[in-house]
Amino acid sequence: MCNIAGHLPKELQPSVRQTMREAYASNKYKTALARLKRLASSLKDQHPGAAASLKKVLEETLTIKHVGLQDA
């Protein structure tokens, strides 16, 4: 989350972090993936660096969470 937030103005960082937290807290992979893709899409025009960073890691991090490896 830090790398993505680092591409954003300070005033946007809390809301983006919250959206990401909520997505990663979801018990459903597809729901989390859709939420993160929607966030990346909303950032694309004004903050392309943040959108690109999010798109680059979202499926990988969700897959790790989904299979339960984040606590390993």
N, C-alpha and C. Protein backbone atom coordinates (compact mmCIF):
# COMPACT_ATOMS: atom_id res chain seq x y z
N MET A 1 0.82 -1.20 0.00
CA MET A 1 0.00 0.00 0.00
C MET A 1 0.85 1.26 0.00
N CYS A 2 1.99 1.19 0.67
CA CYS A 2 2.83 2.38 0.79
C CYS A 2 3.32 2.85 -0.57
N ASN A 3 3.75 1.93 -1.44
CA ASN A 3 4.24 2.34 -2.74
C ASN A 3 3.16 3.02 -3.56
N ILE A 4 1.96 2.51 -3.47
CA ILE A 4 0.86 3.09 -4.23
C ILE A 4 0.49 4.46 -3.67
N ALA A 5 0.37 4.55 -2.37
CA ALA A 5 0.03 5.83 -1.74
C ALA A 5 1.11 6.87 -1.99
N GLY A 6 2.34 6.44 -2.12
CA GLY A 6 3.44 7.37 -2.38
C GLY A 6 3.33 8.09 -3.71
N HIS A 7 2.53 7.55 -4.62
CA HIS A 7 2.31 8.17 -5.93
C HIS A 7 1.17 9.18 -5.89
N LEU A 8 0.55 9.34 -4.73
CA LEU A 8 -0.65 10.17 -4.63
C LEU A 8 -0.41 11.42 -3.79
N PRO A 9 -1.19 12.47 -4.03
CA PRO A 9 -1.15 13.63 -3.15
C PRO A 9 -1.61 13.22 -1.74
N LYS A 10 -1.08 13.87 -0.75
CA LYS A 10 -1.38 13.50 0.64
C LYS A 10 -2.88 13.48 0.94
N GLU A 11 -3.64 14.38 0.33
CA GLU A 11 -5.07 14.44 0.64
C GLU A 11 -5.84 13.21 0.11
N LEU A 12 -5.30 12.52 -0.87
CA LEU A 12 -5.96 11.31 -1.39
C LEU A 12 -5.51 10.03 -0.70
N GLN A 13 -4.37 10.06 -0.06
CA GLN A 13 -3.80 8.85 0.52
C GLN A 13 -4.72 8.14 1.52
N PRO A 14 -5.35 8.83 2.45
CA PRO A 14 -6.21 8.11 3.40
C PRO A 14 -7.38 7.37 2.75
N SER A 15 -8.03 7.99 1.78
CA SER A 15 -9.18 7.32 1.17
C SER A 15 -8.75 6.14 0.31
N VAL A 16 -7.63 6.26 -0.37
CA VAL A 16 -7.13 5.15 -1.18
C VAL A 16 -6.69 4.01 -0.27
N ARG A 17 -6.00 4.32 0.80
CA ARG A 17 -5.60 3.27 1.75
C ARG A 17 -6.82 2.56 2.33
N GLN A 18 -7.85 3.31 2.65
CA GLN A 18 -9.07 2.72 3.21
C GLN A 18 -9.73 1.78 2.20
N THR A 19 -9.83 2.23 0.97
CA THR A 19 -10.42 1.39 -0.08
C THR A 19 -9.61 0.10 -0.24
N MET A 20 -8.30 0.22 -0.22
CA MET A 20 -7.45 -0.97 -0.35
C MET A 20 -7.61 -1.90 0.85
N ARG A 21 -7.65 -1.33 2.04
CA ARG A 21 -7.85 -2.16 3.24
C ARG A 21 -9.15 -2.93 3.16
N GLU A 22 -10.20 -2.24 2.76
CA GLU A 22 -11.51 -2.89 2.65
C GLU A 22 -11.49 -4.00 1.60
N ALA A 23 -10.82 -3.75 0.49
CA ALA A 23 -10.73 -4.77 -0.55
C ALA A 23 -9.98 -5.99 -0.04
N TYR A 24 -8.83 -5.78 0.58
CA TYR A 24 -8.04 -6.90 1.08
C TYR A 24 -8.71 -7.61 2.25
N ALA A 25 -9.61 -6.95 2.93
CA ALA A 25 -10.33 -7.59 4.04
C ALA A 25 -11.50 -8.44 3.54
N SER A 26 -11.85 -8.29 2.29
CA SER A 26 -12.97 -9.05 1.73
C SER A 26 -12.67 -10.55 1.76
N ASN A 27 -13.68 -11.32 2.04
CA ASN A 27 -13.53 -12.78 2.04
C ASN A 27 -13.67 -13.36 0.65
N LYS A 28 -14.08 -12.55 -0.30
CA LYS A 28 -14.31 -13.03 -1.66
C LYS A 28 -13.27 -12.44 -2.61
N TYR A 29 -12.52 -13.32 -3.23
CA TYR A 29 -11.47 -12.92 -4.15
C TYR A 29 -12.01 -12.03 -5.27
N LYS A 30 -13.10 -12.44 -5.90
CA LYS A 30 -13.65 -11.68 -7.03
C LYS A 30 -14.11 -10.29 -6.61
N THR A 31 -14.68 -10.19 -5.42
CA THR A 31 -15.13 -8.89 -4.92
C THR A 31 -13.93 -7.98 -4.68
N ALA A 32 -12.91 -8.51 -4.05
CA ALA A 32 -11.70 -7.73 -3.78
C ALA A 32 -11.03 -7.30 -5.08
N LEU A 33 -10.93 -8.23 -6.02
CA LEU A 33 -10.30 -7.92 -7.30
C LEU A 33 -11.07 -6.83 -8.03
N ALA A 34 -12.37 -6.93 -8.07
CA ALA A 34 -13.19 -5.91 -8.73
C ALA A 34 -13.03 -4.55 -8.07
N ARG A 35 -12.98 -4.55 -6.76
CA ARG A 35 -12.84 -3.28 -6.03
C ARG A 35 -11.49 -2.61 -6.33
N LEU A 36 -10.43 -3.41 -6.35
CA LEU A 36 -9.11 -2.86 -6.63
C LEU A 36 -8.97 -2.43 -8.08
N LYS A 37 -9.57 -3.16 -9.00
CA LYS A 37 -9.54 -2.76 -10.40
C LYS A 37 -10.30 -1.45 -10.59
N ARG A 38 -11.42 -1.32 -9.90
CA ARG A 38 -12.21 -0.08 -9.97
C ARG A 38 -11.39 1.10 -9.42
N LEU A 39 -10.67 0.86 -8.33
CA LEU A 39 -9.82 1.91 -7.76
C LEU A 39 -8.73 2.30 -8.75
N ALA A 40 -8.06 1.31 -9.34
CA ALA A 40 -7.01 1.60 -10.31
C ALA A 40 -7.56 2.39 -11.49
N SER A 41 -8.73 2.02 -11.94
CA SER A 41 -9.36 2.72 -13.06
C SER A 41 -9.66 4.17 -12.70
N SER A 42 -10.11 4.39 -11.47
CA SER A 42 -10.45 5.75 -11.05
C SER A 42 -9.20 6.63 -10.90
N LEU A 43 -8.06 6.01 -10.68
CA LEU A 43 -6.81 6.75 -10.51
C LEU A 43 -6.08 6.98 -11.84
N LYS A 44 -6.43 6.21 -12.84
CA LYS A 44 -5.68 6.14 -14.09
C LYS A 44 -5.39 7.50 -14.73
N ASP A 45 -6.38 8.36 -14.86
CA ASP A 45 -6.18 9.61 -15.59
C ASP A 45 -5.37 10.64 -14.80
N GLN A 46 -5.70 10.82 -13.54
CA GLN A 46 -5.05 11.85 -12.73
C GLN A 46 -3.76 11.38 -12.06
N HIS A 47 -3.68 10.08 -11.80
CA HIS A 47 -2.53 9.54 -11.05
C HIS A 47 -2.08 8.22 -11.68
N PRO A 48 -1.54 8.29 -12.89
CA PRO A 48 -1.19 7.07 -13.62
C PRO A 48 -0.14 6.21 -12.93
N GLY A 49 0.77 6.82 -12.19
CA GLY A 49 1.79 6.04 -11.48
C GLY A 49 1.18 5.17 -10.40
N ALA A 50 0.25 5.72 -9.66
CA ALA A 50 -0.44 4.95 -8.62
C ALA A 50 -1.28 3.84 -9.23
N ALA A 51 -1.98 4.16 -10.33
CA ALA A 51 -2.81 3.16 -11.00
C ALA A 51 -1.96 2.02 -11.52
N ALA A 52 -0.82 2.34 -12.13
CA ALA A 52 0.06 1.31 -12.67
C ALA A 52 0.63 0.44 -11.55
N SER A 53 1.02 1.05 -10.44
CA SER A 53 1.54 0.28 -9.31
C SER A 53 0.49 -0.67 -8.76
N LEU A 54 -0.72 -0.19 -8.63
CA LEU A 54 -1.80 -1.01 -8.11
C LEU A 54 -2.10 -2.17 -9.06
N LYS A 55 -2.21 -1.89 -10.34
CA LYS A 55 -2.49 -2.95 -11.31
C LYS A 55 -1.39 -4.00 -11.32
N LYS A 56 -0.17 -3.56 -11.13
CA LYS A 56 0.98 -4.47 -11.18
C LYS A 56 0.93 -5.51 -10.06
N VAL A 57 0.44 -5.12 -8.90
CA VAL A 57 0.51 -6.04 -7.74
C VAL A 57 -0.83 -6.61 -7.30
N LEU A 58 -1.94 -6.10 -7.81
CA LEU A 58 -3.22 -6.48 -7.21
C LEU A 58 -3.54 -7.96 -7.32
N GLU A 59 -3.40 -8.57 -8.47
CA GLU A 59 -3.75 -9.99 -8.58
C GLU A 59 -2.79 -10.86 -7.79
N GLU A 60 -1.51 -10.52 -7.83
CA GLU A 60 -0.52 -11.31 -7.08
C GLU A 60 -0.79 -11.26 -5.58
N THR A 61 -1.03 -10.07 -5.05
CA THR A 61 -1.25 -9.97 -3.61
C THR A 61 -2.57 -10.60 -3.19
N LEU A 62 -3.57 -10.48 -4.04
CA LEU A 62 -4.85 -11.12 -3.72
C LEU A 62 -4.74 -12.64 -3.77
N THR A 63 -3.96 -13.15 -4.71
CA THR A 63 -3.77 -14.60 -4.80
C THR A 63 -3.07 -15.10 -3.54
N ILE A 64 -2.06 -14.40 -3.09
CA ILE A 64 -1.35 -14.78 -1.86
C ILE A 64 -2.30 -14.77 -0.68
N LYS A 65 -3.11 -13.73 -0.58
CA LYS A 65 -4.09 -13.66 0.51
C LYS A 65 -5.11 -14.78 0.40
N HIS A 66 -5.59 -15.01 -0.81
CA HIS A 66 -6.64 -16.02 -1.04
C HIS A 66 -6.19 -17.42 -0.65
N VAL A 67 -4.96 -17.76 -0.94
CA VAL A 67 -4.49 -19.12 -0.60
C VAL A 67 -3.92 -19.19 0.80
N GLY A 68 -3.92 -18.06 1.50
CA GLY A 68 -3.53 -18.06 2.91
C GLY A 68 -2.05 -18.03 3.18
N LEU A 69 -1.27 -17.52 2.25
CA LEU A 69 0.17 -17.51 2.43
C LEU A 69 0.67 -16.26 3.15
N GLN A 70 -0.16 -15.24 3.30
CA GLN A 70 0.32 -14.01 3.92
C GLN A 70 0.75 -14.19 5.36
N ASP A 71 0.26 -15.21 6.04
CA ASP A 71 0.63 -15.44 7.43
C ASP A 71 1.70 -16.51 7.57
N ALA A 72 2.15 -17.05 6.46
CA ALA A 72 3.13 -18.15 6.51
C ALA A 72 4.51 -17.65 6.83
